Amino acid sequence: MSVVEVRVPDLGDSKGVKVVEVLVAKGAEIRLDDPLITLETEKASMDVPSPVAGVIESIDIKKGDDVVAGTLIATVTVADAAAAPGQGDRARRHHRAGAVRPRAAPDPIKSRAEPRCAACSAQSPQRSRSTAS
């Protein structure tokens, strides 16, 4: 067993990054890419995924904290097989690549209800207006 420190990845030029949600607890078993925390910048909210699989030993941040790249999120105990060179290399590449997933905003076009034909449950054709000349 080995212990891995999980840190906030590079956030680009974002300033004022706040932890809005901590999604894991001490003792929780996590998998690779499970979301650990949700961060919010002036432009977007994003989940920070785990670069390793294992068990959370400690959580080092809390809701409301301001963070920067490199801030310690948690320590994770990983099985020696999970901490093998290939896994560690993947985790480092994953972390360096800034693996922060932005949350998708709802698509305003898709969220509008489309009129449907009551008789056949098919989508009604769009009405077109024609101007008489």
N, C-alpha and C. Protein backbone atom coordinates (compact mmCIF):
# COMPACT_ATOMS: atom_id res chain seq x y z
N MET A 1 0.84 -1.17 0.00
CA MET A 1 0.00 0.00 0.00
C MET A 1 0.89 1.24 0.00
N SER A 2 0.46 2.24 -0.73
CA SER A 2 1.17 3.52 -0.72
C SER A 2 0.15 4.65 -0.64
N VAL A 3 0.64 5.82 -0.24
CA VAL A 3 -0.23 6.98 -0.08
C VAL A 3 0.11 7.98 -1.17
N VAL A 4 -0.93 8.50 -1.83
CA VAL A 4 -0.78 9.47 -2.91
C VAL A 4 -1.47 10.76 -2.49
N GLU A 5 -0.78 11.88 -2.70
CA GLU A 5 -1.40 13.18 -2.46
C GLU A 5 -2.09 13.62 -3.74
N VAL A 6 -3.36 13.96 -3.64
CA VAL A 6 -4.12 14.45 -4.79
C VAL A 6 -4.24 15.96 -4.63
N ARG A 7 -3.82 16.68 -5.67
CA ARG A 7 -3.78 18.15 -5.62
C ARG A 7 -4.65 18.76 -6.71
N VAL A 8 -4.99 20.02 -6.52
CA VAL A 8 -5.78 20.76 -7.52
C VAL A 8 -4.92 20.89 -8.78
N PRO A 9 -5.46 20.51 -9.94
CA PRO A 9 -4.70 20.63 -11.19
C PRO A 9 -4.58 22.09 -11.63
N ASP A 10 -3.79 22.30 -12.67
CA ASP A 10 -3.61 23.63 -13.24
C ASP A 10 -4.97 24.15 -13.69
N LEU A 11 -5.29 25.35 -13.27
CA LEU A 11 -6.59 25.95 -13.59
C LEU A 11 -6.49 27.06 -14.62
N GLY A 12 -5.37 27.11 -15.31
CA GLY A 12 -5.17 28.17 -16.31
C GLY A 12 -5.01 29.50 -15.62
N ASP A 13 -5.63 30.52 -16.16
CA ASP A 13 -5.48 31.86 -15.59
C ASP A 13 -6.64 32.22 -14.65
N SER A 14 -7.36 31.20 -14.17
CA SER A 14 -8.49 31.46 -13.27
C SER A 14 -8.01 32.00 -11.94
N LYS A 15 -8.72 33.01 -11.47
CA LYS A 15 -8.47 33.59 -10.15
C LYS A 15 -9.76 33.52 -9.36
N GLY A 16 -9.66 33.45 -8.06
CA GLY A 16 -10.87 33.40 -7.24
C GLY A 16 -11.59 32.08 -7.38
N VAL A 17 -10.84 30.96 -7.32
CA VAL A 17 -11.45 29.64 -7.45
C VAL A 17 -11.87 29.16 -6.07
N LYS A 18 -13.14 28.84 -5.94
CA LYS A 18 -13.72 28.48 -4.64
C LYS A 18 -14.23 27.04 -4.69
N VAL A 19 -14.03 26.32 -3.58
CA VAL A 19 -14.59 24.97 -3.44
C VAL A 19 -16.06 25.14 -3.08
N VAL A 20 -16.95 24.66 -3.95
CA VAL A 20 -18.39 24.78 -3.69
C VAL A 20 -18.99 23.47 -3.18
N GLU A 21 -18.25 22.37 -3.37
CA GLU A 21 -18.76 21.09 -2.88
C GLU A 21 -17.61 20.10 -2.76
N VAL A 22 -17.59 19.36 -1.65
CA VAL A 22 -16.66 18.25 -1.46
C VAL A 22 -17.49 17.00 -1.64
N LEU A 23 -17.14 16.18 -2.63
CA LEU A 23 -17.98 15.06 -3.05
C LEU A 23 -17.58 13.72 -2.43
N VAL A 24 -16.48 13.69 -1.66
CA VAL A 24 -16.02 12.45 -1.03
C VAL A 24 -15.80 12.67 0.46
N ALA A 25 -15.72 11.59 1.19
CA ALA A 25 -15.49 11.66 2.64
C ALA A 25 -14.35 10.72 3.02
N LYS A 26 -13.77 10.96 4.17
CA LYS A 26 -12.71 10.10 4.68
C LYS A 26 -13.23 8.67 4.76
N GLY A 27 -12.43 7.73 4.29
CA GLY A 27 -12.80 6.32 4.30
C GLY A 27 -13.53 5.85 3.06
N ALA A 28 -13.92 6.78 2.20
CA ALA A 28 -14.64 6.41 0.97
C ALA A 28 -13.70 5.73 -0.01
N GLU A 29 -14.21 4.70 -0.70
CA GLU A 29 -13.45 4.06 -1.76
C GLU A 29 -13.75 4.79 -3.06
N ILE A 30 -12.70 5.18 -3.77
CA ILE A 30 -12.87 5.92 -5.03
C ILE A 30 -12.22 5.16 -6.18
N ARG A 31 -12.71 5.44 -7.37
CA ARG A 31 -12.14 4.87 -8.59
C ARG A 31 -11.47 5.98 -9.38
N LEU A 32 -10.66 5.61 -10.31
CA LEU A 32 -10.02 6.55 -11.21
C LEU A 32 -11.10 7.39 -11.88
N ASP A 33 -10.93 8.69 -11.91
CA ASP A 33 -11.83 9.65 -12.54
C ASP A 33 -13.11 9.95 -11.76
N ASP A 34 -13.29 9.37 -10.57
CA ASP A 34 -14.43 9.76 -9.74
C ASP A 34 -14.28 11.23 -9.36
N PRO A 35 -15.35 12.02 -9.39
CA PRO A 35 -15.23 13.43 -9.00
C PRO A 35 -14.96 13.54 -7.50
N LEU A 36 -14.00 14.40 -7.13
CA LEU A 36 -13.63 14.60 -5.73
C LEU A 36 -14.24 15.86 -5.15
N ILE A 37 -14.13 16.95 -5.91
CA ILE A 37 -14.64 18.25 -5.46
C ILE A 37 -15.22 18.98 -6.65
N THR A 38 -16.03 19.99 -6.35
CA THR A 38 -16.54 20.89 -7.38
C THR A 38 -15.96 22.27 -7.10
N LEU A 39 -15.35 22.85 -8.12
CA LEU A 39 -14.78 24.20 -8.01
C LEU A 39 -15.63 25.15 -8.83
N GLU A 40 -15.62 26.42 -8.42
CA GLU A 40 -16.35 27.44 -9.17
C GLU A 40 -15.43 28.63 -9.40
N THR A 41 -15.35 29.04 -10.67
CA THR A 41 -14.62 30.25 -11.04
C THR A 41 -15.64 31.30 -11.43
N GLU A 42 -15.17 32.45 -11.86
CA GLU A 42 -16.09 33.48 -12.31
C GLU A 42 -16.80 33.07 -13.60
N LYS A 43 -16.29 32.05 -14.30
CA LYS A 43 -16.86 31.64 -15.57
C LYS A 43 -17.62 30.31 -15.55
N ALA A 44 -17.21 29.38 -14.68
CA ALA A 44 -17.80 28.04 -14.74
C ALA A 44 -17.63 27.28 -13.44
N SER A 45 -18.44 26.23 -13.30
CA SER A 45 -18.27 25.25 -12.23
C SER A 45 -17.68 24.00 -12.86
N MET A 46 -16.81 23.31 -12.14
CA MET A 46 -16.18 22.11 -12.69
C MET A 46 -15.86 21.11 -11.60
N ASP A 47 -15.95 19.84 -11.96
CA ASP A 47 -15.56 18.77 -11.06
C ASP A 47 -14.09 18.45 -11.27
N VAL A 48 -13.39 18.12 -10.19
CA VAL A 48 -12.00 17.68 -10.28
C VAL A 48 -12.00 16.17 -10.06
N PRO A 49 -11.59 15.39 -11.08
CA PRO A 49 -11.62 13.94 -10.97
C PRO A 49 -10.39 13.40 -10.24
N SER A 50 -10.52 12.20 -9.69
CA SER A 50 -9.41 11.56 -9.02
C SER A 50 -8.44 10.98 -10.05
N PRO A 51 -7.14 11.21 -9.86
CA PRO A 51 -6.16 10.63 -10.77
C PRO A 51 -5.79 9.20 -10.38
N VAL A 52 -6.32 8.68 -9.25
CA VAL A 52 -6.00 7.34 -8.78
C VAL A 52 -7.25 6.67 -8.21
N ALA A 53 -7.15 5.35 -8.02
CA ALA A 53 -8.20 4.59 -7.34
C ALA A 53 -7.66 4.19 -5.98
N GLY A 54 -8.52 4.20 -4.97
CA GLY A 54 -8.08 3.81 -3.64
C GLY A 54 -9.08 4.22 -2.58
N VAL A 55 -8.57 4.44 -1.34
CA VAL A 55 -9.41 4.81 -0.21
C VAL A 55 -8.95 6.17 0.32
N ILE A 56 -9.90 7.09 0.51
CA ILE A 56 -9.59 8.43 1.02
C ILE A 56 -9.12 8.31 2.47
N GLU A 57 -7.90 8.77 2.72
CA GLU A 57 -7.35 8.76 4.08
C GLU A 57 -7.62 10.08 4.79
N SER A 58 -7.54 11.19 4.05
CA SER A 58 -7.84 12.49 4.65
C SER A 58 -8.31 13.45 3.58
N ILE A 59 -9.17 14.37 3.98
CA ILE A 59 -9.64 15.46 3.12
C ILE A 59 -9.00 16.72 3.69
N ASP A 60 -8.29 17.45 2.84
CA ASP A 60 -7.53 18.59 3.32
C ASP A 60 -8.13 19.94 2.95
N ILE A 61 -9.30 19.94 2.33
CA ILE A 61 -9.99 21.19 2.01
C ILE A 61 -11.44 21.05 2.43
N LYS A 62 -12.12 22.17 2.50
CA LYS A 62 -13.54 22.13 2.86
C LYS A 62 -14.32 23.11 1.99
N LYS A 63 -15.61 22.95 1.99
CA LYS A 63 -16.50 23.83 1.23
C LYS A 63 -16.23 25.28 1.64
N GLY A 64 -16.10 26.15 0.64
CA GLY A 64 -15.86 27.57 0.89
C GLY A 64 -14.41 27.98 0.80
N ASP A 65 -13.48 27.01 0.79
CA ASP A 65 -12.05 27.34 0.69
C ASP A 65 -11.74 27.93 -0.69
N ASP A 66 -10.81 28.88 -0.71
CA ASP A 66 -10.25 29.37 -1.97
C ASP A 66 -9.02 28.53 -2.27
N VAL A 67 -8.87 28.06 -3.52
CA VAL A 67 -7.76 27.19 -3.87
C VAL A 67 -7.03 27.70 -5.10
N VAL A 68 -5.80 27.23 -5.27
CA VAL A 68 -4.99 27.49 -6.45
C VAL A 68 -4.43 26.15 -6.91
N ALA A 69 -3.83 26.13 -8.09
CA ALA A 69 -3.20 24.91 -8.58
C ALA A 69 -2.17 24.43 -7.58
N GLY A 70 -2.20 23.14 -7.27
CA GLY A 70 -1.25 22.56 -6.34
C GLY A 70 -1.76 22.44 -4.91
N THR A 71 -2.91 23.03 -4.60
CA THR A 71 -3.48 22.90 -3.26
C THR A 71 -3.83 21.43 -3.02
N LEU A 72 -3.47 20.92 -1.84
CA LEU A 72 -3.75 19.53 -1.50
C LEU A 72 -5.25 19.33 -1.29
N ILE A 73 -5.82 18.38 -2.03
CA ILE A 73 -7.23 18.05 -1.90
C ILE A 73 -7.40 16.94 -0.86
N ALA A 74 -6.67 15.85 -1.07
CA ALA A 74 -6.82 14.68 -0.21
C ALA A 74 -5.60 13.78 -0.31
N THR A 75 -5.49 12.87 0.65
CA THR A 75 -4.50 11.80 0.54
C THR A 75 -5.29 10.51 0.35
N VAL A 76 -4.78 9.66 -0.54
CA VAL A 76 -5.47 8.43 -0.92
C VAL A 76 -4.52 7.26 -0.76
N THR A 77 -4.96 6.21 -0.09
CA THR A 77 -4.18 4.98 -0.01
C THR A 77 -4.55 4.14 -1.22
N VAL A 78 -3.53 3.76 -1.98
CA VAL A 78 -3.74 2.95 -3.18
C VAL A 78 -3.02 1.62 -3.00
N ALA A 79 -3.57 0.56 -3.60
CA ALA A 79 -2.92 -0.75 -3.57
C ALA A 79 -1.64 -0.65 -4.38
N ASP A 80 -0.64 -1.44 -4.03
CA ASP A 80 0.63 -1.39 -4.75
C ASP A 80 0.45 -1.63 -6.24
N ALA A 81 -0.49 -2.49 -6.62
CA ALA A 81 -0.75 -2.73 -8.03
C ALA A 81 -1.28 -1.47 -8.69
N ALA A 82 -2.11 -0.71 -7.97
CA ALA A 82 -2.67 0.53 -8.52
C ALA A 82 -1.61 1.61 -8.61
N ALA A 83 -0.57 1.50 -7.78
CA ALA A 83 0.48 2.51 -7.78
C ALA A 83 1.66 2.07 -8.65
N ALA A 84 1.43 1.06 -9.49
CA ALA A 84 2.49 0.58 -10.39
C ALA A 84 2.92 1.70 -11.31
N PRO A 85 4.12 1.62 -11.89
CA PRO A 85 4.62 2.72 -12.73
C PRO A 85 3.66 3.19 -13.80
N GLY A 86 2.98 2.29 -14.46
CA GLY A 86 2.04 2.71 -15.51
C GLY A 86 0.91 3.55 -14.95
N GLN A 87 0.38 3.16 -13.79
CA GLN A 87 -0.72 3.91 -13.16
C GLN A 87 -0.24 5.28 -12.74
N GLY A 88 0.92 5.35 -12.11
CA GLY A 88 1.44 6.63 -11.65
C GLY A 88 1.71 7.57 -12.82
N ASP A 89 2.27 7.03 -13.90
CA ASP A 89 2.53 7.85 -15.08
C ASP A 89 1.23 8.39 -15.64
N ARG A 90 0.21 7.53 -15.69
CA ARG A 90 -1.08 7.98 -16.20
C ARG A 90 -1.66 9.06 -15.29
N ALA A 91 -1.54 8.86 -13.99
CA ALA A 91 -2.07 9.84 -13.04
C ALA A 91 -1.35 11.18 -13.20
N ARG A 92 -0.03 11.15 -13.37
CA ARG A 92 0.71 12.41 -13.54
C ARG A 92 0.32 13.11 -14.84
N ARG A 93 0.18 12.34 -15.94
CA ARG A 93 -0.24 12.95 -17.21
C ARG A 93 -1.65 13.52 -17.06
N HIS A 94 -2.52 12.76 -16.40
CA HIS A 94 -3.89 13.17 -16.16
C HIS A 94 -3.91 14.49 -15.39
N HIS A 95 -3.09 14.57 -14.35
CA HIS A 95 -3.02 15.77 -13.51
C HIS A 95 -2.42 16.94 -14.29
N ARG A 96 -1.34 16.70 -15.03
CA ARG A 96 -0.69 17.77 -15.79
C ARG A 96 -1.60 18.30 -16.88
N ALA A 97 -2.41 17.43 -17.43
CA ALA A 97 -3.28 17.86 -18.53
C ALA A 97 -4.42 18.75 -18.03
N GLY A 98 -4.46 18.94 -16.72
CA GLY A 98 -5.52 19.80 -16.18
C GLY A 98 -6.87 19.14 -16.33
N ALA A 99 -6.97 17.92 -15.87
CA ALA A 99 -8.18 17.13 -16.07
C ALA A 99 -9.32 17.64 -15.20
N VAL A 100 -9.76 18.81 -15.48
CA VAL A 100 -10.90 19.39 -14.80
C VAL A 100 -12.03 19.39 -15.80
N ARG A 101 -13.14 18.80 -15.41
CA ARG A 101 -14.26 18.68 -16.34
C ARG A 101 -15.28 19.77 -16.07
N PRO A 102 -15.47 20.69 -17.02
CA PRO A 102 -16.51 21.70 -16.82
C PRO A 102 -17.88 21.05 -16.83
N ARG A 103 -18.76 21.57 -16.01
CA ARG A 103 -20.14 21.09 -16.04
C ARG A 103 -20.84 21.76 -17.21
N ALA A 104 -21.56 20.97 -17.95
CA ALA A 104 -22.25 21.50 -19.12
C ALA A 104 -23.46 22.32 -18.69
N ALA A 105 -23.59 23.47 -19.29
CA ALA A 105 -24.77 24.31 -19.06
C ALA A 105 -25.92 23.72 -19.87
N PRO A 106 -27.13 23.84 -19.40
CA PRO A 106 -28.25 23.30 -20.16
C PRO A 106 -28.36 24.01 -21.51
N ASP A 107 -28.66 23.23 -22.52
CA ASP A 107 -28.81 23.77 -23.87
C ASP A 107 -30.18 24.42 -23.97
N PRO A 108 -30.24 25.76 -24.15
CA PRO A 108 -31.54 26.44 -24.17
C PRO A 108 -32.42 25.96 -25.32
N ILE A 109 -31.84 25.53 -26.42
CA ILE A 109 -32.63 25.06 -27.56
C ILE A 109 -33.28 23.72 -27.22
N LYS A 110 -32.50 22.79 -26.63
CA LYS A 110 -33.03 21.47 -26.32
C LYS A 110 -33.99 21.51 -25.15
N SER A 111 -33.86 22.49 -24.28
CA SER A 111 -34.72 22.52 -23.10
C SER A 111 -36.13 23.04 -23.41
N ARG A 112 -36.31 23.69 -24.57
CA ARG A 112 -37.64 24.14 -24.95
C ARG A 112 -38.49 22.97 -25.39
N ALA A 113 -39.72 22.96 -24.97
CA ALA A 113 -40.63 21.87 -25.36
C ALA A 113 -40.99 22.02 -26.82
N GLU A 114 -40.89 20.94 -27.55
CA GLU A 114 -41.26 20.94 -28.96
C GLU A 114 -42.74 20.56 -29.06
N PRO A 115 -43.50 21.26 -29.91
CA PRO A 115 -44.91 20.89 -30.07
C PRO A 115 -45.03 19.49 -30.67
N ARG A 116 -45.97 18.74 -30.19
CA ARG A 116 -46.16 17.38 -30.67
C ARG A 116 -47.61 17.20 -31.13
N CYS A 117 -47.78 16.34 -32.10
CA CYS A 117 -49.10 16.00 -32.60
C CYS A 117 -49.77 15.07 -31.59
N ALA A 118 -50.93 15.45 -31.06
CA ALA A 118 -51.60 14.66 -30.04
C ALA A 118 -52.06 13.31 -30.57
N ALA A 119 -52.39 13.23 -31.85
CA ALA A 119 -52.92 12.00 -32.41
C ALA A 119 -51.86 10.93 -32.60
N CYS A 120 -50.66 11.31 -32.96
CA CYS A 120 -49.66 10.29 -33.28
C CYS A 120 -48.38 10.41 -32.46
N SER A 121 -48.31 11.35 -31.56
CA SER A 121 -47.13 11.58 -30.72
C SER A 121 -45.88 11.93 -31.52
N ALA A 122 -46.07 12.28 -32.77
CA ALA A 122 -44.92 12.70 -33.58
C ALA A 122 -44.75 14.21 -33.45
N GLN A 123 -43.60 14.65 -33.77
CA GLN A 123 -43.33 16.08 -33.69
C GLN A 123 -44.11 16.80 -34.78
N SER A 124 -44.78 17.86 -34.39
CA SER A 124 -45.54 18.64 -35.36
C SER A 124 -44.59 19.40 -36.26
N PRO A 125 -44.95 19.55 -37.53
CA PRO A 125 -44.08 20.32 -38.43
C PRO A 125 -44.07 21.80 -38.02
N GLN A 126 -42.97 22.45 -38.28
CA GLN A 126 -42.85 23.88 -37.97
C GLN A 126 -43.78 24.64 -38.89
N ARG A 127 -44.48 25.59 -38.36
CA ARG A 127 -45.35 26.43 -39.17
C ARG A 127 -44.51 27.51 -39.80
N SER A 128 -44.69 27.72 -41.05
CA SER A 128 -43.95 28.80 -41.70
C SER A 128 -44.93 29.90 -42.08
N ARG A 129 -44.49 31.09 -41.89
CA ARG A 129 -45.33 32.22 -42.26
C ARG A 129 -44.99 32.65 -43.67
N SER A 130 -46.01 32.87 -44.42
CA SER A 130 -45.77 33.39 -45.77
C SER A 130 -46.44 34.75 -45.86
N THR A 131 -45.77 35.61 -46.52
CA THR A 131 -46.35 36.94 -46.67
C THR A 131 -46.98 37.03 -48.06
N ALA A 132 -48.17 37.54 -48.07
CA ALA A 132 -48.87 37.69 -49.36
C ALA A 132 -48.33 38.91 -50.07
N SER A 133 -48.05 38.74 -51.33
CA SER A 133 -47.54 39.87 -52.09
C SER A 133 -48.61 40.48 -52.91
